[in-house]
Amino acid sequence: MDLAEKALLFVHLLGFAALFGGAVVQLGSDTRVVNNAMIYGVLTQLLTGVLLVGVLEAKTDRDVDHAQVGVKFAVGVVVALLCWANRRRPSIPNGLYLGLLLLTVADVAVAVFW
């Protein structure tokens, strides 16, 4: 069970790296888009996050903070929906881009500081 938890956490962090990296790489660009790294990163985070909660729930010595999980999941779903809805646009507004970037950082802040 410990190996499954570590493997899922590893892949979950890779999903964050893809999402965050896909957004940050566009900071200097005039035209911003929802790229494949952002789409696959957020989908990876959602899937591995749900699986990780399942593994943690199965462990008897670990309590899961369901409020934290709910907030993280809600933010992740919002980011995923925004990315999915705008994936084919030739460019996205700066406000949407900054919103995606800030929501991504906020999701990590909830994970670390809650």
C-alpha atoms as a PDB file:
ATOM      1  CA  MET A   1       0.000   0.000   0.000  1.00  0.00           C
ATOM      2  CA  ASP A   2       2.859   2.356   0.754  1.00  0.00           C
ATOM      3  CA  LEU A   3       4.331   1.817  -2.717  1.00  0.00           C
ATOM      4  CA  ALA A   4       0.971   2.618  -4.354  1.00  0.00           C
ATOM      5  CA  GLU A   5       0.705   5.799  -2.288  1.00  0.00           C
ATOM      6  CA  LYS A   6       4.214   6.963  -3.227  1.00  0.00           C
ATOM      7  CA  ALA A   7       3.741   6.080  -6.911  1.00  0.00           C
ATOM      8  CA  LEU A   8       0.441   7.967  -7.104  1.00  0.00           C
ATOM      9  CA  LEU A   9       1.905  10.968  -5.306  1.00  0.00           C
ATOM     10  CA  PHE A  10       4.844  10.959  -7.743  1.00  0.00           C
ATOM     11  CA  VAL A  11       2.553  10.922 -10.789  1.00  0.00           C
ATOM     12  CA  HIS A  12       0.304  13.538  -9.142  1.00  0.00           C
ATOM     13  CA  LEU A  13       3.302  15.862  -8.782  1.00  0.00           C
ATOM     14  CA  LEU A  14       4.289  15.207 -12.399  1.00  0.00           C
ATOM     15  CA  GLY A  15       0.785  16.302 -13.394  1.00  0.00           C
ATOM     16  CA  PHE A  16       1.257  19.522 -11.445  1.00  0.00           C
ATOM     17  CA  ALA A  17       4.628  20.078 -13.112  1.00  0.00           C
ATOM     18  CA  ALA A  18       3.046  19.667 -16.557  1.00  0.00           C
ATOM     19  CA  LEU A  19       0.153  22.012 -15.762  1.00  0.00           C
ATOM     20  CA  PHE A  20       2.288  24.669 -14.095  1.00  0.00           C
ATOM     21  CA  GLY A  21       5.125  24.372 -16.595  1.00  0.00           C
ATOM     22  CA  GLY A  22       2.730  24.570 -19.529  1.00  0.00           C
ATOM     23  CA  ALA A  23       1.389  27.831 -18.147  1.00  0.00           C
ATOM     24  CA  VAL A  24       4.662  29.385 -16.984  1.00  0.00           C
ATOM     25  CA  VAL A  25       6.412  28.767 -20.294  1.00  0.00           C
ATOM     26  CA  GLN A  26       3.985  31.269 -21.836  1.00  0.00           C
ATOM     27  CA  LEU A  27       4.694  34.142 -19.456  1.00  0.00           C
ATOM     28  CA  GLY A  28       6.824  36.024 -21.987  1.00  0.00           C
ATOM     29  CA  SER A  29       4.536  35.312 -24.927  1.00  0.00           C
ATOM     30  CA  ASP A  30       2.052  37.774 -26.389  1.00  0.00           C
ATOM     31  CA  THR A  31      -0.371  35.022 -27.417  1.00  0.00           C
ATOM     32  CA  ARG A  32      -1.338  32.541 -24.713  1.00  0.00           C
ATOM     33  CA  VAL A  33      -3.086  29.236 -25.307  1.00  0.00           C
ATOM     34  CA  VAL A  34      -4.167  26.185 -23.383  1.00  0.00           C
ATOM     35  CA  ASN A  35      -1.476  23.750 -24.491  1.00  0.00           C
ATOM     36  CA  ASN A  36      -1.385  19.957 -24.278  1.00  0.00           C
ATOM     37  CA  ALA A  37       0.843  20.025 -21.198  1.00  0.00           C
ATOM     38  CA  MET A  38      -1.812  21.961 -19.315  1.00  0.00           C
ATOM     39  CA  ILE A  39      -4.657  19.671 -20.431  1.00  0.00           C
ATOM     40  CA  TYR A  40      -2.871  16.406 -19.680  1.00  0.00           C
ATOM     41  CA  GLY A  41      -1.363  17.820 -16.490  1.00  0.00           C
ATOM     42  CA  VAL A  42      -4.694  18.766 -14.959  1.00  0.00           C
ATOM     43  CA  LEU A  43      -6.347  15.508 -16.043  1.00  0.00           C
ATOM     44  CA  THR A  44      -3.440  13.563 -14.526  1.00  0.00           C
ATOM     45  CA  GLN A  45      -3.798  15.509 -11.300  1.00  0.00           C
ATOM     46  CA  LEU A  46      -7.533  14.844 -11.060  1.00  0.00           C
ATOM     47  CA  LEU A  47      -7.231  11.132 -11.750  1.00  0.00           C
ATOM     48  CA  THR A  48      -4.259  10.494  -9.486  1.00  0.00           C
ATOM     49  CA  GLY A  49      -5.731  12.717  -6.770  1.00  0.00           C
ATOM     50  CA  VAL A  50      -8.915  10.647  -6.628  1.00  0.00           C
ATOM     51  CA  LEU A  51      -6.903   7.410  -6.636  1.00  0.00           C
ATOM     52  CA  LEU A  52      -4.587   8.759  -3.947  1.00  0.00           C
ATOM     53  CA  VAL A  53      -7.522   9.588  -1.674  1.00  0.00           C
ATOM     54  CA  GLY A  54      -8.810   6.049  -2.207  1.00  0.00           C
ATOM     55  CA  VAL A  55      -5.465   4.562  -1.215  1.00  0.00           C
ATOM     56  CA  LEU A  56      -5.222   6.823   1.829  1.00  0.00           C
ATOM     57  CA  GLU A  57      -8.768   5.913   2.883  1.00  0.00           C
ATOM     58  CA  ALA A  58      -7.862   2.224   2.672  1.00  0.00           C
ATOM     59  CA  LYS A  59      -5.022   2.695   5.141  1.00  0.00           C
ATOM     60  CA  THR A  60      -6.256   2.326   8.701  1.00  0.00           C
ATOM     61  CA  ASP A  61      -3.555   4.495  10.290  1.00  0.00           C
ATOM     62  CA  ARG A  62      -4.218   7.559   8.137  1.00  0.00           C
ATOM     63  CA  ASP A  63      -7.000  10.123   8.524  1.00  0.00           C
ATOM     64  CA  VAL A  64      -8.008  12.032   5.413  1.00  0.00           C
ATOM     65  CA  ASP A  65      -9.129  15.652   5.708  1.00  0.00           C
ATOM     66  CA  HIS A  66     -12.199  15.572   3.490  1.00  0.00           C
ATOM     67  CA  ALA A  67     -12.624  19.351   3.533  1.00  0.00           C
ATOM     68  CA  GLN A  68      -9.139  19.795   2.105  1.00  0.00           C
ATOM     69  CA  VAL A  69      -9.736  17.077  -0.469  1.00  0.00           C
ATOM     70  CA  GLY A  70     -13.022  18.723  -1.450  1.00  0.00           C
ATOM     71  CA  VAL A  71     -11.438  22.139  -1.929  1.00  0.00           C
ATOM     72  CA  LYS A  72      -8.546  20.689  -3.937  1.00  0.00           C
ATOM     73  CA  PHE A  73     -10.917  18.639  -6.069  1.00  0.00           C
ATOM     74  CA  ALA A  74     -13.221  21.624  -6.707  1.00  0.00           C
ATOM     75  CA  VAL A  75     -10.311  23.832  -7.778  1.00  0.00           C
ATOM     76  CA  GLY A  76      -8.957  21.026  -9.956  1.00  0.00           C
ATOM     77  CA  VAL A  77     -12.316  20.538 -11.663  1.00  0.00           C
ATOM     78  CA  VAL A  78     -12.609  24.284 -12.343  1.00  0.00           C
ATOM     79  CA  VAL A  79      -9.107  24.347 -13.870  1.00  0.00           C
ATOM     80  CA  ALA A  80      -9.861  21.228 -15.913  1.00  0.00           C
ATOM     81  CA  LEU A  81     -13.130  22.647 -17.240  1.00  0.00           C
ATOM     82  CA  LEU A  82     -11.536  25.969 -18.135  1.00  0.00           C
ATOM     83  CA  CYS A  83      -8.654  24.236 -19.885  1.00  0.00           C
ATOM     84  CA  TRP A  84     -10.943  21.808 -21.713  1.00  0.00           C
ATOM     85  CA  ALA A  85     -13.379  24.515 -22.849  1.00  0.00           C
ATOM     86  CA  ASN A  86     -10.575  26.708 -24.219  1.00  0.00           C
ATOM     87  CA  ARG A  87      -8.226  24.052 -25.600  1.00  0.00           C
ATOM     88  CA  ARG A  88      -8.974  24.741 -29.279  1.00  0.00           C
ATOM     89  CA  ARG A  89      -8.962  28.518 -29.195  1.00  0.00           C
ATOM     90  CA  PRO A  90      -6.101  30.199 -31.056  1.00  0.00           C
ATOM     91  CA  SER A  91      -5.540  32.390 -27.984  1.00  0.00           C
ATOM     92  CA  ILE A  92      -7.053  32.964 -24.564  1.00  0.00           C
ATOM     93  CA  PRO A  93      -7.549  36.274 -22.752  1.00  0.00           C
ATOM     94  CA  ASN A  94      -4.880  37.349 -20.293  1.00  0.00           C
ATOM     95  CA  GLY A  95      -7.401  37.255 -17.439  1.00  0.00           C
ATOM     96  CA  LEU A  96      -8.209  33.618 -18.113  1.00  0.00           C
ATOM     97  CA  TYR A  97      -4.536  32.755 -18.379  1.00  0.00           C
ATOM     98  CA  LEU A  98      -3.741  34.478 -15.076  1.00  0.00           C
ATOM     99  CA  GLY A  99      -6.776  32.849 -13.482  1.00  0.00           C
ATOM    100  CA  LEU A 100      -5.567  29.397 -14.516  1.00  0.00           C
ATOM    101  CA  LEU A 101      -2.091  30.152 -13.218  1.00  0.00           C
ATOM    102  CA  LEU A 102      -3.370  31.508  -9.882  1.00  0.00           C
ATOM    103  CA  LEU A 103      -5.812  28.636  -9.381  1.00  0.00           C
ATOM    104  CA  THR A 104      -2.997  26.176 -10.005  1.00  0.00           C
ATOM    105  CA  VAL A 105      -0.804  27.890  -7.418  1.00  0.00           C
ATOM    106  CA  ALA A 106      -3.744  28.134  -4.995  1.00  0.00           C
ATOM    107  CA  ASP A 107      -4.334  24.384  -5.304  1.00  0.00           C
ATOM    108  CA  VAL A 108      -0.746  23.713  -4.290  1.00  0.00           C
ATOM    109  CA  ALA A 109      -1.035  26.208  -1.446  1.00  0.00           C
ATOM    110  CA  VAL A 110      -4.058  24.318  -0.117  1.00  0.00           C
ATOM    111  CA  ALA A 111      -2.098  21.066  -0.282  1.00  0.00           C
ATOM    112  CA  VAL A 112       0.933  22.463   1.502  1.00  0.00           C
ATOM    113  CA  PHE A 113      -0.445  24.879   4.064  1.00  0.00           C
ATOM    114  CA  TRP A 114      -3.785  23.309   5.047  1.00  0.00           C
END
